[in-house]
Amino acid sequence: MFRIARAWPIVLIGLLFLGACSGGSSTTPIPGGGQGGFDLRITTDKTHGPAPLTVSFFVTPSGGTAPYTYAWDFNDDGVIDSNAPSGQFTFQADTIARVTVTDSASRSMSTSQSITITPATGGGGTGGTVQPLVVRINASPQIGRLPFDVQFSPAVSGGRAPYQFAWDFEGDGRYDEFTQNPLHRYSQIGQKIADNHYGFFPVLKVTDSRGVTETNLQDLDESGGPDGQIEITTLTAEQSFYVVAFANPQAGQAPLTVEFTANIGGGSSNISYSWDFGDNTQSNPSTSSLVTHTYQTAGTYIAHVTAHDNDSNLSTTSAPLTVTATEGQPFDLTITADVSSGQVPFVVNFEAHPVNGQEPIQYEWNVFDNDPANPNPTPGNPPTLKGQAVVTPSFTQRKDPAIHFGNTAGDAGAHEYRVRVAATDALGSQRVSEFMIITALPHSEPGPRGGNAYTAERPEVVDFTTFISGGGDGVPLTRCSRAT
């Protein structure tokens, strides 16, 4: 909490503090609102759950005069997080999400929703964290002559048990079975994949006790293809010994590491595999049907595998498999902002724009002073931020943060801040953006601080008082703290 140079903002801050502990979903007018039947309704897909809890928010205005403008503060820190009519935020602790909507006649309404973090129990582990729901399929056999039976079972991790299962054996969008471990008979030839190569791509949809739904078609490694997709290869009676080759991924930037898998039909259990990767390299014969290979340079490669039945001395070669490695593009980064100056206090919405970086990308935003003695700072020699500067936050790891500039850092006139972001991608490549200059101007009204009527100062924090409100039936706990 800050001491404000004028008396009336102190009363306003007190009212806001009490509002922050009110909890619950509500529709509350703020100055200038509540006229002409102007009202709001906020909805969410969930209001409680274990951390990290991702919540989707929607607000629907009624009455008023369109168009509307929106201001979301998802984590109740006084900083505007979004100006869209809907949004999504991931919570680690209890809080109150707030939104203010203003119509074209400058009438405003606000509403809020309590978010409660609960302990995690069940299939997702213990403590306050539930791991992401990941879905895979076990199937045996994965290749056979028609007709043949396949035993399916789920391989599920994360989420929260119990789970519900829905099986689409042909991958045609229609769910056929809802038991956990079904046995399915394939009696028809599958879709054509290549010459003399037919099969099905089954889909498993899993819903956990939180209502979270995932399938085995997730792309968790962001390779551009489904990580958990499997093929059930269907063979005609004429196909006595057959091998099918798979690659994951089949495309990406060089150097590209690909996991190759071979599935066979017919033959004995004594099979060896030899791979030709299409880049003038081959693997030695191996009894393992799984092999990994890295393409060092960009190009299009035709790979195939030969399976040899050591008991019958028969061999068969798979259909050609195309793998594309593209030229690696340099990782680059720029930033933009909706405004570059304003009268204090004001908010600037920043956006990071990465190019060619490998997701996930981590961001580190910093706000510094514009130091004439250090005009070209480097990451190892950064400028500092004046101790009396009120910038919230001065450091954040959000991709697109909203930063509140509360004062001119004690200067009588304008004060210049520098803002930049450093980004590190999944491959460890780091880029640092150019600095953006943000100019904080004193408020135009005269005041006791030489023209900066809204100068804020950081008080010395002596102690904290913590109290809990709510806790009755159906009322979530809300924890609040204030300096004394």
Protein backbone atom coordinates (compact mmCIF):
# COMPACT_ATOMS: atom_id res chain seq x y z
CA MET A 1 0.00 0.00 0.00
CA PHE A 2 1.31 3.49 -0.81
CA ARG A 3 0.91 6.89 0.89
CA ILE A 4 -0.74 9.28 -1.57
CA ALA A 5 -0.08 13.01 -1.65
CA ARG A 6 -3.79 13.88 -1.63
CA ALA A 7 -6.32 12.85 0.99
CA TRP A 8 -9.16 11.47 -1.15
CA PRO A 9 -7.15 8.67 -2.81
CA ILE A 10 -6.47 7.24 0.69
CA VAL A 11 -10.20 6.77 1.22
CA LEU A 12 -10.49 5.14 -2.22
CA ILE A 13 -7.65 2.73 -1.46
CA GLY A 14 -9.33 1.78 1.81
CA LEU A 15 -12.55 1.03 -0.01
CA LEU A 16 -10.70 -1.04 -2.60
CA PHE A 17 -8.96 -2.98 0.18
CA LEU A 18 -12.28 -3.87 1.79
CA GLY A 19 -13.63 -4.87 -1.64
CA ALA A 20 -10.68 -7.18 -2.17
CA CYS A 21 -11.87 -9.32 0.75
CA SER A 22 -15.55 -9.38 -0.12
CA GLY A 23 -15.32 -12.57 -2.25
CA GLY A 24 -17.96 -14.16 -4.42
CA SER A 25 -19.36 -13.23 -7.78
CA SER A 26 -21.10 -9.88 -7.79
CA THR A 27 -22.19 -6.94 -9.87
CA THR A 28 -21.13 -3.67 -8.31
CA PRO A 29 -21.39 -0.13 -9.73
CA ILE A 30 -18.38 2.13 -9.64
CA PRO A 31 -18.47 5.94 -10.05
CA GLY A 32 -20.34 6.79 -13.22
CA GLY A 33 -22.03 3.39 -13.58
CA GLY A 34 -25.26 1.72 -12.65
CA GLN A 35 -27.46 3.94 -14.81
CA GLY A 36 -29.97 3.01 -17.44
CA GLY A 37 -30.10 -0.68 -16.51
CA PHE A 38 -26.40 -1.22 -17.24
CA ASP A 39 -25.41 -4.57 -15.71
CA LEU A 40 -22.74 -7.31 -15.96
CA ARG A 41 -22.63 -11.06 -15.65
CA ILE A 42 -19.33 -12.87 -15.16
CA THR A 43 -19.01 -16.60 -15.85
CA THR A 44 -16.09 -19.03 -15.45
CA ASP A 45 -15.47 -22.65 -16.38
CA LYS A 46 -14.37 -23.33 -12.79
CA THR A 47 -13.90 -21.44 -9.51
CA HIS A 48 -11.80 -23.86 -7.47
CA GLY A 49 -9.25 -26.61 -7.88
CA PRO A 50 -5.62 -27.49 -7.20
CA ALA A 51 -2.76 -25.29 -8.38
CA PRO A 52 -1.82 -24.60 -11.09
CA LEU A 53 -5.51 -23.80 -11.78
CA THR A 54 -6.25 -22.43 -15.25
CA VAL A 55 -9.59 -20.58 -15.38
CA SER A 56 -11.40 -19.17 -18.41
CA PHE A 57 -13.38 -15.98 -17.79
CA PHE A 58 -16.24 -14.43 -19.75
CA VAL A 59 -18.17 -11.25 -19.02
CA THR A 60 -21.49 -10.32 -20.64
CA PRO A 61 -22.71 -6.71 -20.37
CA SER A 62 -26.40 -5.94 -20.60
CA GLY A 63 -27.89 -2.50 -21.03
CA GLY A 64 -25.55 0.40 -21.55
CA THR A 65 -24.49 1.56 -24.98
CA ALA A 66 -22.16 -0.49 -27.18
CA PRO A 67 -19.29 -0.63 -27.96
CA TYR A 68 -17.83 -1.62 -24.58
CA THR A 69 -14.27 -1.54 -23.27
CA TYR A 70 -12.97 -4.12 -20.79
CA ALA A 71 -10.33 -4.10 -18.04
CA TRP A 72 -9.45 -7.39 -16.29
CA ASP A 73 -7.37 -7.74 -13.13
CA PHE A 74 -7.22 -11.51 -12.80
CA ASN A 75 -4.98 -11.76 -9.72
CA ASP A 76 -6.18 -8.66 -7.79
CA ASP A 77 -2.81 -6.88 -7.86
CA GLY A 78 -4.13 -3.57 -9.21
CA VAL A 79 -2.56 -4.17 -12.62
CA ILE A 80 -4.73 -4.54 -15.72
CA ASP A 81 -4.01 -7.94 -17.29
CA SER A 82 -6.30 -7.90 -20.33
CA ASN A 83 -8.61 -5.63 -22.31
CA ALA A 84 -10.49 -8.43 -24.10
CA PRO A 85 -14.10 -9.45 -23.32
CA SER A 86 -12.84 -12.89 -22.22
CA GLY A 87 -9.57 -14.22 -20.90
CA GLN A 88 -7.71 -17.07 -19.27
CA PHE A 89 -5.39 -17.01 -16.26
CA THR A 90 -3.46 -19.63 -14.26
CA PHE A 91 -3.61 -19.26 -10.47
CA GLN A 92 -1.22 -20.51 -7.80
CA ALA A 93 -3.05 -19.08 -4.77
CA ASP A 94 -6.49 -17.88 -3.61
CA THR A 95 -7.48 -14.54 -5.08
CA ILE A 96 -10.34 -12.48 -6.51
CA ALA A 97 -10.57 -11.83 -10.24
CA ARG A 98 -12.09 -8.47 -11.18
CA VAL A 99 -13.37 -6.89 -14.38
CA THR A 100 -14.57 -3.38 -15.16
CA VAL A 101 -16.66 -2.68 -18.27
CA THR A 102 -17.22 0.82 -19.63
CA ASP A 103 -19.79 1.61 -22.28
CA SER A 104 -19.56 4.28 -24.99
CA ALA A 105 -21.40 6.75 -22.72
CA SER A 106 -18.53 6.43 -20.17
CA ARG A 107 -20.70 4.51 -17.70
CA SER A 108 -18.79 1.78 -15.87
CA MET A 109 -19.67 -1.34 -13.94
CA SER A 110 -17.45 -3.87 -12.17
CA THR A 111 -17.88 -7.44 -11.01
CA SER A 112 -15.65 -10.03 -9.35
CA GLN A 113 -15.25 -13.77 -8.81
CA SER A 114 -13.47 -15.59 -5.98
CA ILE A 115 -10.91 -18.23 -7.03
CA THR A 116 -10.02 -20.87 -4.44
CA ILE A 117 -7.00 -23.20 -4.57
CA THR A 118 -7.71 -26.63 -3.04
CA PRO A 119 -5.34 -29.47 -2.08
CA ALA A 120 -4.68 -32.08 -4.78
CA THR A 121 -5.57 -35.70 -4.12
CA GLY A 122 -6.12 -38.81 -6.21
CA GLY A 123 -4.54 -39.86 -9.48
CA GLY A 124 -2.76 -36.59 -10.11
CA GLY A 125 -0.48 -36.88 -7.11
CA THR A 126 -0.47 -35.19 -3.73
CA GLY A 127 0.15 -31.70 -2.48
CA GLY A 128 -1.02 -28.56 -4.27
CA THR A 129 -0.12 -29.51 -7.81
CA VAL A 130 -1.91 -31.72 -10.33
CA GLN A 131 0.24 -32.84 -13.23
CA PRO A 132 -1.08 -32.32 -16.78
CA LEU A 133 -3.38 -35.03 -18.08
CA VAL A 134 -1.49 -37.14 -20.66
CA VAL A 135 -3.20 -39.88 -22.67
CA ARG A 136 -1.58 -42.80 -24.47
CA ILE A 137 -2.85 -46.11 -25.90
CA ASN A 138 -1.57 -49.64 -25.39
CA ALA A 139 -2.70 -52.10 -28.10
CA SER A 140 -1.72 -55.68 -28.85
CA PRO A 141 -1.25 -56.69 -31.59
CA GLN A 142 -0.91 -53.54 -33.71
CA ILE A 143 -0.81 -55.46 -37.00
CA GLY A 144 -2.65 -58.54 -38.21
CA ARG A 145 -4.52 -60.34 -41.00
CA LEU A 146 -8.25 -59.76 -41.19
CA PRO A 147 -10.18 -60.58 -39.14
CA PHE A 148 -8.20 -60.22 -35.90
CA ASP A 149 -8.79 -59.03 -32.33
CA VAL A 150 -6.88 -56.21 -30.63
CA GLN A 151 -6.74 -55.79 -26.85
CA PHE A 152 -6.72 -52.10 -25.89
CA SER A 153 -5.81 -50.50 -22.58
CA PRO A 154 -5.24 -46.86 -21.58
CA ALA A 155 -1.93 -45.43 -20.35
CA VAL A 156 -2.96 -42.29 -18.47
CA SER A 157 -0.86 -40.02 -16.28
CA GLY A 158 -1.61 -36.77 -14.49
CA GLY A 159 -5.03 -35.28 -14.04
CA ARG A 160 -7.17 -36.51 -11.16
CA ALA A 161 -8.77 -39.95 -10.91
CA PRO A 162 -11.29 -41.43 -11.45
CA TYR A 163 -11.19 -41.25 -15.24
CA GLN A 164 -13.85 -41.82 -17.90
CA PHE A 165 -12.90 -43.45 -21.22
CA ALA A 166 -14.27 -43.19 -24.76
CA TRP A 167 -12.75 -45.29 -27.58
CA ASP A 168 -12.92 -44.56 -31.31
CA PHE A 169 -11.36 -47.69 -32.83
CA GLU A 170 -11.46 -46.57 -36.48
CA GLY A 171 -10.57 -42.91 -35.90
CA ASP A 172 -13.71 -41.81 -37.73
CA GLY A 173 -14.98 -39.44 -35.02
CA ARG A 174 -17.55 -41.87 -33.63
CA TYR A 175 -16.92 -43.35 -30.19
CA ASP A 176 -17.59 -47.09 -30.09
CA GLU A 177 -16.80 -48.26 -26.55
CA PHE A 178 -16.72 -46.68 -23.07
CA THR A 179 -15.06 -49.38 -20.94
CA GLN A 180 -11.50 -49.15 -19.68
CA ASN A 181 -9.92 -52.19 -21.39
CA PRO A 182 -11.95 -53.12 -24.48
CA LEU A 183 -11.30 -55.97 -26.94
CA HIS A 184 -12.11 -54.97 -30.50
CA ARG A 185 -12.28 -57.08 -33.67
CA TYR A 186 -11.09 -55.55 -36.94
CA SER A 187 -12.85 -57.23 -39.86
CA GLN A 188 -12.49 -54.61 -42.63
CA ILE A 189 -9.47 -53.21 -44.46
CA GLY A 190 -8.36 -49.82 -43.15
CA GLN A 191 -7.77 -46.55 -44.92
CA LYS A 192 -5.05 -46.52 -47.58
CA ILE A 193 -1.78 -45.13 -46.25
CA ALA A 194 0.52 -46.26 -49.08
CA ASP A 195 0.58 -48.94 -51.74
CA ASN A 196 -0.36 -52.26 -50.12
CA HIS A 197 -0.48 -50.46 -46.74
CA TYR A 198 -3.83 -50.03 -44.97
CA GLY A 199 -4.68 -49.24 -41.37
CA PHE A 200 -6.69 -47.42 -38.72
CA PHE A 201 -5.67 -44.70 -36.23
CA PRO A 202 -7.69 -45.25 -33.02
CA VAL A 203 -8.48 -42.37 -30.66
CA LEU A 204 -8.89 -42.52 -26.88
CA LYS A 205 -10.62 -39.64 -25.10
CA VAL A 206 -10.13 -39.44 -21.32
CA THR A 207 -12.04 -37.16 -18.93
CA ASP A 208 -10.82 -36.83 -15.34
CA SER A 209 -12.82 -35.99 -12.20
CA ARG A 210 -12.24 -32.24 -12.73
CA GLY A 211 -13.89 -32.38 -16.15
CA VAL A 212 -10.56 -31.95 -17.96
CA THR A 213 -10.55 -33.85 -21.28
CA GLU A 214 -7.58 -34.94 -23.39
CA THR A 215 -6.92 -37.47 -26.15
CA ASN A 216 -3.90 -39.41 -27.37
CA LEU A 217 -3.59 -36.85 -30.18
CA GLN A 218 -1.92 -34.26 -27.93
CA ASP A 219 1.17 -32.50 -29.30
CA LEU A 220 3.06 -32.04 -26.03
CA ASP A 221 6.49 -31.83 -27.64
CA GLU A 222 5.19 -29.27 -30.19
CA SER A 223 6.61 -31.30 -33.07
CA GLY A 224 3.59 -30.55 -35.23
CA GLY A 225 2.13 -34.05 -34.95
CA PRO A 226 0.20 -36.12 -32.37
CA ASP A 227 2.57 -37.69 -29.84
CA GLY A 228 0.38 -40.65 -28.86
CA GLN A 229 -1.02 -41.68 -32.23
CA ILE A 230 -0.76 -45.40 -33.02
CA GLU A 231 -1.67 -47.35 -36.15
CA ILE A 232 -3.51 -50.66 -36.32
CA THR A 233 -2.27 -52.10 -39.61
CA THR A 234 -4.72 -54.41 -41.37
CA LEU A 235 -3.34 -57.11 -43.68
CA THR A 236 -5.20 -59.10 -46.29
CA ALA A 237 -4.94 -62.89 -46.36
CA GLU A 238 -2.41 -62.61 -49.20
CA GLN A 239 0.07 -60.62 -47.09
CA SER A 240 2.05 -63.26 -45.16
CA PHE A 241 4.98 -61.11 -43.88
CA TYR A 242 4.82 -57.32 -43.77
CA VAL A 243 6.59 -54.37 -42.11
CA VAL A 244 5.34 -50.79 -41.59
CA ALA A 245 7.65 -47.85 -40.77
CA PHE A 246 6.74 -44.81 -38.65
CA ALA A 247 8.66 -41.58 -37.90
CA ASN A 248 8.09 -39.03 -35.11
CA PRO A 249 8.39 -36.23 -36.05
CA GLN A 250 8.39 -36.37 -39.85
CA ALA A 251 9.35 -32.68 -40.23
CA GLY A 252 11.26 -30.03 -38.29
CA GLN A 253 14.30 -27.79 -38.21
CA ALA A 254 17.74 -29.28 -38.70
CA PRO A 255 19.43 -30.76 -36.77
CA LEU A 256 16.31 -32.95 -36.58
CA THR A 257 16.21 -36.01 -34.30
CA VAL A 258 13.64 -38.60 -35.41
CA GLU A 259 12.40 -41.69 -33.59
CA PHE A 260 11.70 -44.51 -36.06
CA THR A 261 9.47 -47.48 -35.24
CA ALA A 262 8.85 -50.68 -37.23
CA ASN A 263 5.69 -52.79 -36.90
CA ILE A 264 5.53 -56.24 -38.50
CA GLY A 265 2.75 -58.58 -39.54
CA GLY A 266 3.27 -62.31 -39.84
CA GLY A 267 6.65 -63.93 -39.49
CA SER A 268 8.13 -65.45 -36.35
CA SER A 269 9.30 -63.84 -33.13
CA ASN A 270 12.94 -63.90 -34.30
CA ILE A 271 13.06 -60.72 -36.41
CA SER A 272 15.94 -58.33 -37.08
CA TYR A 273 15.61 -54.81 -38.51
CA SER A 274 17.90 -52.77 -40.77
CA TRP A 275 17.17 -49.08 -41.48
CA ASP A 276 18.19 -46.94 -44.43
CA PHE A 277 17.71 -43.32 -43.31
CA GLY A 278 18.03 -41.79 -46.78
CA ASP A 279 21.06 -39.62 -45.97
CA ASN A 280 23.67 -42.21 -46.97
CA THR A 281 23.62 -43.78 -43.52
CA GLN A 282 22.23 -47.15 -42.44
CA SER A 283 21.77 -48.90 -39.13
CA ASN A 284 23.31 -52.23 -38.22
CA PRO A 285 20.84 -55.15 -37.98
CA SER A 286 19.11 -55.15 -34.61
CA THR A 287 16.34 -57.06 -32.89
CA SER A 288 14.95 -53.76 -31.58
CA SER A 289 12.09 -52.32 -33.62
CA LEU A 290 12.92 -48.80 -32.33
CA VAL A 291 15.82 -46.63 -33.51
CA THR A 292 16.73 -42.92 -33.30
CA HIS A 293 18.51 -40.94 -35.99
CA THR A 294 19.54 -37.27 -36.34
CA TYR A 295 19.52 -35.42 -39.68
CA GLN A 296 22.25 -32.81 -39.41
CA THR A 297 21.47 -30.77 -42.52
CA ALA A 298 18.32 -29.52 -44.21
CA GLY A 299 16.79 -31.68 -46.93
CA THR A 300 14.12 -34.21 -47.85
CA TYR A 301 15.02 -37.79 -47.03
CA ILE A 302 13.40 -41.10 -48.03
CA ALA A 303 13.76 -43.71 -45.28
CA HIS A 304 12.67 -47.34 -45.10
CA VAL A 305 13.23 -50.42 -42.96
CA THR A 306 13.88 -54.03 -43.95
CA ALA A 307 12.68 -56.76 -41.60
CA HIS A 308 14.30 -60.20 -41.79
CA ASP A 309 12.70 -63.34 -40.35
CA ASN A 310 15.69 -65.31 -39.14
CA ASP A 311 13.67 -68.53 -38.78
CA SER A 312 12.22 -68.63 -42.30
CA ASN A 313 15.00 -66.56 -43.92
CA LEU A 314 12.35 -64.26 -45.44
CA SER A 315 12.76 -60.48 -45.76
CA THR A 316 10.30 -57.65 -46.41
CA THR A 317 10.83 -53.91 -46.90
CA SER A 318 8.49 -51.12 -45.80
CA ALA A 319 6.91 -48.48 -48.01
CA PRO A 320 9.07 -45.32 -48.39
CA LEU A 321 8.81 -42.82 -45.53
CA THR A 322 9.52 -39.12 -46.22
CA VAL A 323 11.29 -37.03 -43.57
CA THR A 324 11.84 -33.28 -44.11
CA ALA A 325 14.48 -31.28 -42.25
CA THR A 326 14.23 -27.52 -42.82
CA GLU A 327 16.80 -24.78 -42.50
CA GLY A 328 17.07 -23.51 -38.93
CA GLN A 329 15.91 -19.93 -38.60
CA PRO A 330 17.56 -17.50 -36.16
CA PHE A 331 15.70 -16.82 -32.92
CA ASP A 332 14.69 -13.15 -32.76
CA LEU A 333 12.64 -10.99 -30.42
CA THR A 334 10.90 -7.60 -30.54
CA ILE A 335 8.56 -5.82 -28.14
CA THR A 336 5.67 -3.39 -28.59
CA ALA A 337 3.57 -1.27 -26.23
CA ASP A 338 0.18 0.41 -26.55
CA VAL A 339 1.55 3.76 -25.26
CA SER A 340 5.05 5.14 -24.70
CA SER A 341 4.20 7.94 -22.22
CA GLY A 342 1.50 9.09 -19.84
CA GLN A 343 0.63 11.15 -16.81
CA VAL A 344 1.18 9.22 -13.61
CA PRO A 345 -0.32 6.92 -12.57
CA PHE A 346 -0.79 5.05 -15.86
CA VAL A 347 -0.60 1.50 -17.24
CA VAL A 348 1.34 0.31 -20.29
CA ASN A 349 0.42 -2.98 -21.98
CA PHE A 350 3.52 -4.67 -23.43
CA GLU A 351 3.74 -7.57 -25.88
CA ALA A 352 6.69 -9.83 -26.72
CA HIS A 353 6.99 -11.02 -30.32
CA PRO A 354 9.34 -14.01 -30.65
CA VAL A 355 10.32 -15.28 -34.09
CA ASN A 356 11.52 -18.85 -34.79
CA GLY A 357 12.15 -19.72 -31.15
CA GLN A 358 11.42 -23.26 -29.99
CA GLU A 359 8.47 -23.32 -27.57
CA PRO A 360 8.14 -23.24 -24.65
CA ILE A 361 9.81 -19.84 -24.34
CA GLN A 362 10.57 -18.24 -20.95
CA TYR A 363 10.40 -14.47 -20.57
CA GLU A 364 12.00 -12.05 -18.09
CA TRP A 365 10.84 -8.42 -18.23
CA ASN A 366 12.75 -5.69 -16.38
CA VAL A 367 12.16 -1.97 -15.86
CA PHE A 368 15.26 0.24 -15.45
CA ASP A 369 16.11 3.92 -15.25
CA ASN A 370 17.33 5.70 -18.37
CA ASP A 371 20.88 6.14 -17.13
CA PRO A 372 22.93 8.67 -19.16
CA ALA A 373 26.10 7.20 -17.64
CA ASN A 374 25.21 3.77 -19.07
CA PRO A 375 23.63 4.51 -22.48
CA ASN A 376 24.31 1.06 -23.99
CA PRO A 377 23.84 -1.44 -21.17
CA THR A 378 24.36 -5.16 -21.66
CA PRO A 379 22.67 -8.04 -19.80
CA GLY A 380 25.78 -8.31 -17.65
CA ASN A 381 25.88 -4.56 -16.97
CA PRO A 382 22.26 -3.50 -16.49
CA PRO A 383 21.15 -0.08 -15.26
CA THR A 384 19.30 0.21 -11.98
CA LEU A 385 15.89 1.49 -10.91
CA LYS A 386 15.66 4.32 -8.41
CA GLY A 387 14.67 3.13 -4.97
CA GLN A 388 11.76 5.57 -4.74
CA ALA A 389 10.32 4.51 -8.09
CA VAL A 390 6.87 2.91 -7.87
CA VAL A 391 6.69 0.48 -10.80
CA THR A 392 4.41 -2.56 -10.52
CA PRO A 393 5.78 -5.02 -11.44
CA SER A 394 9.37 -4.00 -12.18
CA PHE A 395 10.14 -7.67 -12.95
CA THR A 396 7.75 -10.27 -14.40
CA GLN A 397 7.88 -13.52 -16.35
CA ARG A 398 4.61 -13.02 -18.20
CA LYS A 399 4.79 -13.04 -21.97
CA ASP A 400 2.62 -9.92 -22.37
CA PRO A 401 2.59 -7.99 -19.08
CA ALA A 402 0.73 -4.85 -18.06
CA ILE A 403 3.06 -2.57 -16.05
CA HIS A 404 1.82 0.24 -13.77
CA PHE A 405 3.99 3.37 -13.54
CA GLY A 406 2.96 5.02 -10.27
CA ASN A 407 5.22 8.08 -10.04
CA THR A 408 8.07 10.04 -11.58
CA ALA A 409 10.60 8.65 -9.07
CA GLY A 410 10.89 11.90 -7.18
CA ASP A 411 11.74 14.01 -10.23
CA ALA A 412 10.08 17.40 -10.53
CA GLY A 413 9.50 16.88 -14.24
CA ALA A 414 9.20 13.95 -16.59
CA HIS A 415 11.05 10.74 -15.79
CA GLU A 416 12.18 8.20 -18.39
CA TYR A 417 12.11 4.47 -17.73
CA ARG A 418 13.68 1.75 -19.87
CA VAL A 419 11.87 -1.55 -20.43
CA ARG A 420 13.21 -4.69 -22.08
CA VAL A 421 12.65 -8.45 -22.09
CA ALA A 422 15.05 -11.38 -22.26
CA ALA A 423 13.66 -14.60 -23.74
CA THR A 424 15.10 -18.12 -23.60
CA ASP A 425 13.65 -20.83 -25.83
CA ALA A 426 13.49 -24.59 -25.27
CA LEU A 427 16.83 -25.10 -27.04
CA GLY A 428 18.59 -22.69 -24.67
CA SER A 429 18.91 -19.86 -27.20
CA GLN A 430 18.53 -16.45 -25.56
CA ARG A 431 17.60 -13.13 -27.12
CA VAL A 432 17.38 -9.74 -25.44
CA SER A 433 15.12 -7.10 -26.93
CA GLU A 434 16.03 -3.51 -27.57
CA PHE A 435 15.12 -1.07 -24.80
CA MET A 436 11.80 0.76 -25.03
CA ILE A 437 11.65 4.21 -23.45
CA ILE A 438 8.55 4.94 -21.34
CA THR A 439 8.13 8.57 -20.25
CA ALA A 440 6.29 9.21 -16.96
CA LEU A 441 4.85 12.73 -16.87
CA PRO A 442 3.73 14.62 -13.74
CA HIS A 443 0.00 15.07 -13.38
CA SER A 444 -1.25 18.36 -14.84
CA GLU A 445 -2.97 19.46 -11.61
CA PRO A 446 -0.79 21.50 -9.22
CA GLY A 447 -0.11 19.74 -5.96
CA PRO A 448 2.00 19.82 -2.82
CA ARG A 449 4.89 18.10 -4.65
CA GLY A 450 5.66 20.70 -7.24
CA GLY A 451 3.20 19.65 -9.93
CA ASN A 452 3.24 15.90 -9.35
CA ALA A 453 -0.02 15.60 -7.45
CA TYR A 454 0.06 11.82 -7.51
CA THR A 455 3.60 11.11 -6.33
CA ALA A 456 3.66 7.86 -4.37
CA GLU A 457 6.25 6.78 -1.82
CA ARG A 458 7.14 3.37 -0.49
CA PRO A 459 6.48 3.25 3.27
CA GLU A 460 8.58 1.23 5.68
CA VAL A 461 6.78 -2.05 6.37
CA VAL A 462 6.71 -2.56 10.14
CA ASP A 463 4.48 -5.60 10.46
CA PHE A 464 1.64 -7.50 8.77
CA THR A 465 -1.80 -8.34 10.01
CA THR A 466 -3.37 -11.40 8.39
CA PHE A 467 -7.02 -12.32 8.71
CA ILE A 468 -9.39 -14.76 7.01
CA SER A 469 -12.91 -14.05 5.82
CA GLY A 470 -15.52 -16.52 4.64
CA GLY A 471 -15.25 -20.22 5.37
CA GLY A 472 -18.95 -20.94 5.83
CA ASP A 473 -20.91 -23.41 3.75
CA GLY A 474 -20.30 -22.67 0.10
CA VAL A 475 -18.14 -19.61 0.88
CA PRO A 476 -14.48 -19.92 -0.07
CA LEU A 477 -11.76 -18.67 2.23
CA THR A 478 -10.18 -15.37 1.25
CA ARG A 479 -6.84 -14.41 2.80
CA CYS A 480 -5.85 -10.76 2.96
CA SER A 481 -2.80 -8.96 4.35
CA ARG A 482 -2.11 -5.32 5.02
CA ALA A 483 0.82 -3.39 6.41
CA THR A 484 0.45 -1.86 9.86
